[in-house]
């Protein structure tokens, strides 16, 4: 067991729709905000916040659920900043799983349709244990079915040139000093 705050269930009390948690919270987070691929908010905002996250990371989940709405409300909604999310695959290599990579591909494939943010937010409300392989095709489709504006048909877990480029760009940016 883990006594750290990041190990507690951050989704307790979240809304649930057809077995998928966080749909109302995701709608509230994104309501009225422009999305352009991985960018949330006004493209011409004076500041761009670059966030790096892993879909399987419990610390990332804690941040997304505990703090992201406040950041979005105070900075993105006011036009002071926009937010660009870069997905990394940190957990898989450290725990011997590969489903995080599949989830990142699925999310990155939603960028061109501007469905990325709804899917990523929904993912964090439905995150499994980092050491388990829980981002299965069925789980991805289940989350996408309920994620606002996404839909199961939008999920594609095959790497594409675009998803590969987004992953490479995130890795490169994350490794820069």
Protein backbone atom coordinates (compact mmCIF):
# COMPACT_ATOMS: atom_id res chain seq x y z
CA UNK A 1 0.00 0.00 0.00
CA UNK A 2 0.97 3.59 -0.50
CA UNK A 3 0.41 6.38 1.99
CA UNK A 4 1.41 9.21 -0.35
CA UNK A 5 -1.31 11.69 -1.38
CA UNK A 6 -0.79 10.79 -5.05
CA UNK A 7 -1.75 7.20 -4.25
CA UNK A 8 -5.24 8.04 -3.02
CA UNK A 9 -8.22 7.81 -5.36
CA UNK A 10 -8.42 11.28 -6.86
CA UNK A 11 -11.62 10.42 -8.70
CA UNK A 12 -13.74 9.68 -5.63
CA UNK A 13 -16.98 11.59 -5.99
CA UNK A 14 -16.49 12.29 -9.71
CA UNK A 15 -19.52 12.06 -11.94
CA UNK A 16 -20.09 8.75 -13.70
CA UNK A 17 -21.80 8.03 -16.99
CA UNK A 18 -22.22 4.44 -18.20
CA UNK A 19 -19.33 3.31 -15.99
CA UNK A 20 -16.96 6.07 -17.15
CA UNK A 21 -15.97 8.66 -14.56
CA UNK A 22 -15.30 12.37 -14.98
CA UNK A 23 -17.54 13.23 -17.91
CA UNK A 24 -19.21 16.24 -16.23
CA UNK A 25 -15.83 17.39 -14.93
CA UNK A 26 -14.28 17.12 -18.38
CA UNK A 27 -17.16 19.09 -19.91
CA UNK A 28 -16.73 21.80 -17.26
CA UNK A 29 -12.97 21.95 -17.83
CA UNK A 30 -13.28 22.42 -21.60
CA UNK A 31 -16.55 24.38 -21.86
CA UNK A 32 -16.28 27.31 -24.23
CA UNK A 33 -12.53 27.00 -24.79
CA UNK A 34 -11.03 26.80 -28.25
CA UNK A 35 -8.95 23.72 -28.96
CA UNK A 36 -6.46 23.35 -31.72
CA UNK A 37 -4.80 19.96 -31.56
CA UNK A 38 -2.77 19.84 -28.36
CA UNK A 39 -3.40 23.54 -27.64
CA UNK A 40 -6.18 24.62 -25.29
CA UNK A 41 -7.17 28.27 -25.25
CA UNK A 42 -6.62 31.27 -27.47
CA UNK A 43 -3.75 30.63 -29.89
CA UNK A 44 -2.64 34.26 -29.56
CA UNK A 45 -2.46 34.28 -25.75
CA UNK A 46 0.71 36.05 -24.57
CA UNK A 47 2.04 32.95 -22.79
CA UNK A 48 2.02 29.27 -23.71
CA UNK A 49 2.29 26.82 -20.83
CA UNK A 50 3.89 23.55 -21.91
CA UNK A 51 2.73 20.62 -19.81
CA UNK A 52 4.31 17.16 -20.04
CA UNK A 53 2.30 14.17 -18.84
CA UNK A 54 1.93 10.40 -19.10
CA UNK A 55 -1.55 8.87 -19.33
CA UNK A 56 -0.57 6.19 -16.77
CA UNK A 57 1.25 8.44 -14.29
CA UNK A 58 -0.46 8.78 -10.89
CA UNK A 59 1.27 12.11 -10.20
CA UNK A 60 0.02 13.40 -13.56
CA UNK A 61 -3.47 12.20 -12.66
CA UNK A 62 -3.29 13.98 -9.30
CA UNK A 63 -2.28 17.23 -11.01
CA UNK A 64 -4.94 16.95 -13.70
CA UNK A 65 -7.74 16.25 -11.23
CA UNK A 66 -6.62 18.46 -8.34
CA UNK A 67 -5.14 21.51 -10.09
CA UNK A 68 -5.83 21.65 -13.82
CA UNK A 69 -9.30 23.23 -13.58
CA UNK A 70 -7.99 26.07 -11.44
CA UNK A 71 -5.11 26.68 -13.89
CA UNK A 72 -7.48 26.62 -16.83
CA UNK A 73 -10.00 28.92 -15.12
CA UNK A 74 -7.42 31.44 -13.92
CA UNK A 75 -5.04 31.47 -16.89
CA UNK A 76 -6.59 29.97 -20.01
CA UNK A 77 -10.17 31.23 -19.69
CA UNK A 78 -8.92 34.74 -18.93
CA UNK A 79 -6.69 34.73 -22.02
CA UNK A 80 -3.53 35.23 -19.95
CA UNK A 81 -2.13 31.96 -21.29
CA UNK A 82 -2.90 28.93 -23.37
CA UNK A 83 -1.92 25.39 -22.54
CA UNK A 84 -0.13 22.88 -24.75
CA UNK A 85 -0.07 19.28 -23.54
CA UNK A 86 2.74 16.95 -24.59
CA UNK A 87 2.23 13.26 -23.84
CA UNK A 88 5.24 11.20 -22.84
CA UNK A 89 5.60 7.50 -22.15
CA UNK A 90 7.53 7.38 -18.88
CA UNK A 91 5.71 4.69 -16.90
CA UNK A 92 5.72 1.77 -19.37
CA UNK A 93 9.51 1.33 -19.59
CA UNK A 94 9.79 1.48 -15.80
CA UNK A 95 7.11 -1.12 -15.01
CA UNK A 96 7.34 -3.45 -18.01
CA UNK A 97 4.03 -2.57 -19.67
CA UNK A 98 3.27 -1.22 -23.14
CA UNK A 99 -0.31 -0.01 -22.92
CA UNK A 100 0.71 3.57 -22.08
CA UNK A 101 2.33 3.82 -25.50
CA UNK A 102 -0.92 2.60 -27.08
CA UNK A 103 -2.90 5.19 -25.14
CA UNK A 104 -0.55 7.95 -26.23
CA UNK A 105 -0.92 6.89 -29.88
CA UNK A 106 -4.72 6.87 -29.50
CA UNK A 107 -4.69 10.35 -27.92
CA UNK A 108 -2.25 11.74 -30.49
CA UNK A 109 -4.43 10.39 -33.29
CA UNK A 110 -7.26 12.55 -31.93
CA UNK A 111 -5.27 15.77 -32.34
CA UNK A 112 -6.32 16.47 -35.94
CA UNK A 113 -9.98 16.14 -34.93
CA UNK A 114 -9.60 18.43 -31.88
CA UNK A 115 -10.80 15.60 -29.64
CA UNK A 116 -7.50 15.23 -27.78
CA UNK A 117 -8.28 17.24 -24.65
CA UNK A 118 -11.63 15.56 -23.94
CA UNK A 119 -10.06 12.13 -24.28
CA UNK A 120 -7.00 12.93 -22.14
CA UNK A 121 -9.09 14.47 -19.36
CA UNK A 122 -11.47 11.50 -19.37
CA UNK A 123 -8.48 9.16 -19.24
CA UNK A 124 -7.24 10.65 -15.99
CA UNK A 125 -10.61 10.11 -14.32
CA UNK A 126 -10.49 6.45 -15.37
CA UNK A 127 -6.81 5.72 -14.86
CA UNK A 128 -5.83 2.26 -13.64
CA UNK A 129 -2.77 1.29 -11.65
CA UNK A 130 0.51 2.29 -13.25
CA UNK A 131 1.88 -1.27 -13.01
CA UNK A 132 -1.19 -2.82 -14.70
CA UNK A 133 -1.93 -3.04 -18.41
CA UNK A 134 -5.33 -1.34 -18.33
CA UNK A 135 -5.27 0.84 -21.48
CA UNK A 136 -6.74 -1.94 -23.61
CA UNK A 137 -8.58 -1.43 -26.88
CA UNK A 138 -11.85 -2.03 -25.04
CA UNK A 139 -11.02 0.50 -22.30
CA UNK A 140 -9.93 3.11 -24.84
CA UNK A 141 -13.18 2.70 -26.77
CA UNK A 142 -15.24 2.73 -23.55
CA UNK A 143 -13.67 6.03 -22.46
CA UNK A 144 -13.96 7.53 -25.95
CA UNK A 145 -17.63 6.56 -26.16
CA UNK A 146 -18.43 8.76 -23.16
CA UNK A 147 -15.74 11.46 -23.53
CA UNK A 148 -17.45 14.66 -24.66
CA UNK A 149 -17.43 14.85 -28.45
CA UNK A 150 -15.06 11.94 -29.01
CA UNK A 151 -16.87 8.65 -29.72
CA UNK A 152 -15.52 5.11 -30.02
CA UNK A 153 -15.12 5.35 -33.81
CA UNK A 154 -12.51 8.10 -33.37
CA UNK A 155 -10.08 5.77 -31.57
CA UNK A 156 -7.15 4.58 -33.65
CA UNK A 157 -4.26 2.84 -31.87
CA UNK A 158 -2.15 2.42 -35.00
CA UNK A 159 0.81 4.71 -35.27
CA UNK A 160 0.49 7.26 -38.01
CA UNK A 161 3.08 9.70 -39.27
CA UNK A 162 1.26 12.44 -37.34
CA UNK A 163 1.11 10.50 -34.05
CA UNK A 164 4.73 9.46 -34.44
CA UNK A 165 5.76 13.10 -35.00
CA UNK A 166 3.82 14.31 -31.95
CA UNK A 167 5.50 11.66 -29.78
CA UNK A 168 8.96 12.47 -31.15
CA UNK A 169 8.41 16.21 -30.72
CA UNK A 170 7.26 15.71 -27.10
CA UNK A 171 10.29 13.52 -26.31
CA UNK A 172 12.66 16.02 -27.91
CA UNK A 173 11.16 19.01 -26.13
CA UNK A 174 11.15 17.18 -22.80
CA UNK A 175 14.85 16.33 -23.16
CA UNK A 176 15.98 19.87 -23.94
CA UNK A 177 17.77 21.79 -21.22
